[in-house]
Amino acid sequence: MFFISPLGTGVILPAFVVGFELEGSALQAVAHLDDTPPWLLHLDQQAGGYCMSYPSVLGAVLRLKANLERGQNDPTRAVRAFKAMAEDPDMKLLEREFPALARLVYTRGDSYSKTELRSLGTFVRHYFDAPAFDSGIEAFVRCAETDPLDWFRGWRAFSCTVRPERAAELVDVQAVDESSLNSHNFLLDDTEHFEEPMLNALTAMGPRLGIRTPPRVFFLWENSD
């Protein structure tokens, strides 16, 4: 399993993640997991705008770009909007085309208000069916507790594996970031689908990490700073 820092890669986010937020002993336990499927990824997210924090999630990564057929109202606009919120945001574009999002960048680590969460959720649900947003900060939002299959059944899940010809050279590589996540080293695809077996595997993973709650849904994009 790879530990991926998605900031700056321009590849993984924006995405929904179905899985677990890792803290304390769970964050330590994940380092000892073995024989994990290629779709199970640990994202070390950077979030919070200027006052950064680093939440971690483990789970199935459902990229918006790979699931455009699941969207509506030209969902490429949603991808474009969240990419405009990434490092050094394109404020002119956001203010001109996506004013609801322009107010949600360059924050200083504060939790989004209920009003901001509703505004963000309304924007996302214009393009993709998704559960309500419950809490979060810039670039890292928790969705309300729900059955993930009700929303994401059949979505393509992102996978990352080492290219066979690079396996000997990268045998000890676990941490991946913008400097190494490229097509020369890794096979990146979205061929597996989020269905009952994937959710069942995630549910079974929880107790191994000391987590007693079921998998939940998160929404991530690249932080503005």
Protein backbone atom coordinates (compact mmCIF):
# COMPACT_ATOMS: atom_id res chain seq x y z
CA MET A 1 0.00 0.00 0.00
CA PHE A 2 1.20 3.48 -0.86
CA PHE A 3 1.18 6.53 1.36
CA ILE A 4 0.38 9.33 -1.06
CA SER A 5 0.71 13.07 -0.51
CA PRO A 6 -1.67 14.30 -3.23
CA LEU A 7 -0.83 18.02 -3.02
CA GLY A 8 0.80 19.14 -6.24
CA THR A 9 0.29 15.88 -8.11
CA GLY A 10 -2.65 17.20 -10.09
CA VAL A 11 -3.72 13.60 -10.57
CA ILE A 12 -5.76 12.30 -7.65
CA LEU A 13 -7.95 15.13 -6.44
CA PRO A 14 -10.70 16.24 -6.37
CA ALA A 15 -12.16 12.97 -5.15
CA PHE A 16 -14.52 11.31 -2.75
CA VAL A 17 -12.81 8.84 -0.43
CA VAL A 18 -14.71 5.99 1.21
CA GLY A 19 -12.88 4.75 4.26
CA PHE A 20 -11.50 5.94 7.56
CA GLU A 21 -9.92 9.03 9.06
CA LEU A 22 -6.73 7.91 10.78
CA GLU A 23 -5.61 9.26 14.12
CA GLY A 24 -3.56 8.01 17.07
CA SER A 25 -3.09 4.26 17.22
CA ALA A 26 -4.94 3.74 13.93
CA LEU A 27 -2.39 5.93 12.18
CA GLN A 28 0.37 3.77 13.61
CA ALA A 29 -1.39 0.49 12.81
CA VAL A 30 -1.86 1.30 9.12
CA ALA A 31 1.91 1.13 8.60
CA HIS A 32 1.79 -2.59 9.42
CA LEU A 33 -0.92 -3.59 6.96
CA ASP A 34 0.20 -6.02 4.29
CA ASP A 35 -1.31 -7.82 1.29
CA THR A 36 -3.58 -4.88 0.59
CA PRO A 37 -5.35 -4.40 -2.77
CA PRO A 38 -4.01 -1.72 -5.14
CA TRP A 39 -7.14 0.40 -4.70
CA LEU A 40 -6.60 0.74 -0.94
CA LEU A 41 -4.62 3.96 -0.53
CA HIS A 42 -3.49 6.10 2.38
CA LEU A 43 -3.73 9.79 1.58
CA ASP A 44 -1.72 12.22 3.68
CA GLN A 45 -3.77 15.30 2.96
CA GLN A 46 -2.72 18.90 3.43
CA ALA A 47 -5.69 21.04 4.40
CA GLY A 48 -6.75 24.21 6.17
CA GLY A 49 -5.54 26.86 3.75
CA TYR A 50 -2.79 29.04 5.23
CA CYS A 51 -2.93 27.40 8.70
CA MET A 52 -2.24 23.90 7.53
CA SER A 53 -3.11 20.61 9.16
CA TYR A 54 -2.50 17.13 7.85
CA PRO A 55 -5.50 14.79 8.15
CA SER A 56 -5.01 11.22 6.94
CA VAL A 57 -7.55 8.95 5.31
CA LEU A 58 -7.39 5.32 4.27
CA GLY A 59 -9.79 3.99 1.70
CA ALA A 60 -11.08 3.79 -1.84
CA VAL A 61 -10.39 6.95 -3.83
CA LEU A 62 -13.17 7.86 -6.28
CA ARG A 63 -11.80 10.58 -8.54
CA LEU A 64 -14.29 12.99 -10.07
CA LYS A 65 -12.37 13.06 -13.34
CA ALA A 66 -12.60 9.28 -13.70
CA ASN A 67 -16.35 9.25 -13.04
CA LEU A 68 -17.69 12.02 -15.22
CA GLU A 69 -20.39 9.73 -16.62
CA ARG A 70 -21.85 9.64 -13.09
CA GLY A 71 -22.32 13.38 -13.16
CA GLN A 72 -24.73 15.88 -14.63
CA ASN A 73 -24.78 19.50 -15.84
CA ASP A 74 -21.33 19.22 -17.45
CA PRO A 75 -19.40 17.75 -14.48
CA THR A 76 -16.07 18.74 -16.07
CA ARG A 77 -16.89 22.17 -14.65
CA ALA A 78 -16.72 20.78 -11.11
CA VAL A 79 -13.28 19.31 -11.78
CA ARG A 80 -12.14 22.61 -13.27
CA ALA A 81 -13.49 24.53 -10.29
CA PHE A 82 -11.74 22.46 -7.63
CA LYS A 83 -8.47 22.47 -9.55
CA ALA A 84 -8.75 26.27 -9.59
CA MET A 85 -8.85 26.12 -5.77
CA ALA A 86 -5.52 24.26 -5.57
CA GLU A 87 -2.11 25.79 -4.76
CA ASP A 88 -2.04 29.47 -5.79
CA PRO A 89 -5.76 29.49 -6.63
CA ASP A 90 -7.01 31.09 -9.81
CA MET A 91 -9.10 33.70 -8.03
CA LYS A 92 -10.17 35.47 -11.20
CA LEU A 93 -11.65 32.24 -12.55
CA LEU A 94 -13.28 31.38 -9.24
CA GLU A 95 -14.81 34.82 -8.76
CA ARG A 96 -16.03 34.92 -12.35
CA GLU A 97 -17.43 31.39 -12.71
CA PHE A 98 -17.59 29.81 -9.26
CA PRO A 99 -18.18 32.56 -6.68
CA ALA A 100 -19.50 30.12 -4.08
CA LEU A 101 -16.08 28.46 -4.02
CA ALA A 102 -14.08 31.69 -4.13
CA ARG A 103 -15.20 32.34 -0.55
CA LEU A 104 -13.85 28.96 0.61
CA VAL A 105 -10.15 29.32 -0.27
CA TYR A 106 -7.24 30.96 1.54
CA THR A 107 -8.80 30.13 4.89
CA ARG A 108 -6.76 30.02 8.09
CA GLY A 109 -7.48 26.59 9.47
CA ASP A 110 -10.93 27.34 10.83
CA SER A 111 -13.71 24.80 10.43
CA TYR A 112 -16.20 25.61 7.72
CA SER A 113 -19.47 26.99 9.10
CA LYS A 114 -22.75 25.20 8.47
CA THR A 115 -23.55 27.87 5.89
CA GLU A 116 -20.25 27.29 4.10
CA LEU A 117 -20.76 23.53 4.16
CA ARG A 118 -24.24 23.92 2.68
CA SER A 119 -22.89 26.20 -0.04
CA LEU A 120 -20.12 23.74 -0.88
CA GLY A 121 -22.53 20.81 -0.86
CA THR A 122 -25.01 22.60 -3.09
CA PHE A 123 -22.24 23.27 -5.58
CA VAL A 124 -21.02 19.66 -5.62
CA ARG A 125 -24.52 18.19 -5.86
CA HIS A 126 -25.26 20.34 -8.90
CA TYR A 127 -22.75 18.09 -10.70
CA PHE A 128 -22.67 14.82 -8.72
CA ASP A 129 -25.12 13.10 -6.39
CA ALA A 130 -23.47 13.13 -2.98
CA PRO A 131 -24.39 12.99 0.70
CA ALA A 132 -24.62 16.16 2.76
CA PHE A 133 -21.40 17.64 4.11
CA ASP A 134 -21.19 17.36 7.88
CA SER A 135 -17.94 19.04 8.95
CA GLY A 136 -14.49 19.93 7.73
CA ILE A 137 -11.91 22.49 6.76
CA GLU A 138 -10.54 23.73 3.46
CA ALA A 139 -9.64 20.73 1.24
CA PHE A 140 -10.93 18.11 3.72
CA VAL A 141 -14.65 17.60 4.36
CA ARG A 142 -16.50 14.78 6.12
CA CYS A 143 -19.84 13.70 4.73
CA ALA A 144 -22.81 12.83 6.90
CA GLU A 145 -22.93 9.18 7.94
CA THR A 146 -24.57 7.13 5.22
CA ASP A 147 -24.32 3.89 3.26
CA PRO A 148 -21.63 4.75 0.68
CA LEU A 149 -23.17 2.34 -1.84
CA ASP A 150 -26.32 4.44 -1.93
CA TRP A 151 -24.28 7.18 -3.57
CA PHE A 152 -21.22 5.64 -5.18
CA ARG A 153 -22.14 2.14 -6.31
CA GLY A 154 -20.33 1.44 -9.56
CA TRP A 155 -17.94 4.38 -9.34
CA ARG A 156 -14.42 3.71 -10.55
CA ALA A 157 -11.77 3.48 -7.82
CA PHE A 158 -8.24 4.77 -8.34
CA SER A 159 -5.37 2.28 -8.12
CA CYS A 160 -1.62 2.77 -7.92
CA THR A 161 0.90 0.00 -8.58
CA VAL A 162 4.58 -0.06 -9.47
CA ARG A 163 5.34 -0.79 -13.10
CA PRO A 164 6.82 -4.30 -13.41
CA GLU A 165 9.96 -3.01 -15.09
CA ARG A 166 10.52 -0.63 -12.15
CA ALA A 167 9.72 -3.12 -9.39
CA ALA A 168 13.31 -3.97 -8.45
CA GLU A 169 14.30 -0.31 -8.27
CA LEU A 170 11.24 0.78 -6.29
CA VAL A 171 10.84 -2.28 -4.07
CA ASP A 172 11.12 -0.26 -0.85
CA VAL A 173 9.11 2.75 -1.97
CA GLN A 174 6.00 3.41 0.10
CA ALA A 175 5.71 7.19 0.26
CA VAL A 176 4.66 8.85 -2.99
CA ASP A 177 4.33 12.56 -3.75
CA GLU A 178 4.39 14.99 -6.66
CA SER A 179 8.05 14.22 -7.38
CA SER A 180 7.48 10.48 -7.87
CA LEU A 181 3.84 9.93 -8.83
CA ASN A 182 4.21 9.68 -12.59
CA SER A 183 3.59 7.26 -15.39
CA HIS A 184 7.27 6.30 -15.60
CA ASN A 185 7.22 4.65 -12.17
CA PHE A 186 3.61 3.67 -11.58
CA LEU A 187 0.57 2.25 -13.29
CA LEU A 188 -2.32 4.54 -12.45
CA ASP A 189 -5.81 3.40 -13.37
CA ASP A 190 -9.47 3.43 -12.39
CA THR A 191 -10.52 -0.01 -13.59
CA GLU A 192 -11.97 -1.44 -10.36
CA HIS A 193 -15.47 -0.47 -9.29
CA PHE A 194 -16.87 0.42 -5.91
CA GLU A 195 -19.32 -2.38 -5.12
CA GLU A 196 -20.22 -4.57 -2.13
CA PRO A 197 -16.92 -6.53 -2.11
CA MET A 198 -14.89 -3.33 -1.88
CA LEU A 199 -17.07 -1.92 0.89
CA ASN A 200 -16.95 -5.24 2.73
CA ALA A 201 -13.16 -5.24 2.52
CA LEU A 202 -13.07 -1.73 3.96
CA THR A 203 -15.48 -2.67 6.74
CA ALA A 204 -13.30 -5.64 7.68
CA MET A 205 -10.25 -3.38 7.67
CA GLY A 206 -11.62 -1.15 10.43
CA PRO A 207 -11.17 -3.55 13.37
CA ARG A 208 -7.60 -4.28 12.23
CA LEU A 209 -6.92 -0.60 12.85
CA GLY A 210 -8.85 -0.44 16.10
CA ILE A 211 -11.70 1.47 14.43
CA ARG A 212 -15.19 0.38 15.47
CA THR A 213 -17.21 2.68 13.24
CA PRO A 214 -18.19 1.80 9.64
CA PRO A 215 -16.48 3.42 6.65
CA ARG A 216 -17.63 6.94 5.92
CA VAL A 217 -17.32 9.31 2.97
CA PHE A 218 -14.92 12.23 2.68
CA PHE A 219 -14.46 14.86 0.00
CA LEU A 220 -10.95 16.15 -0.75
CA TRP A 221 -9.32 18.61 -3.11
CA GLU A 222 -5.86 20.18 -3.20
CA ASN A 223 -5.20 22.84 -0.57
CA SER A 224 -4.71 26.47 -1.59
CA ASP A 225 -1.32 26.88 0.14
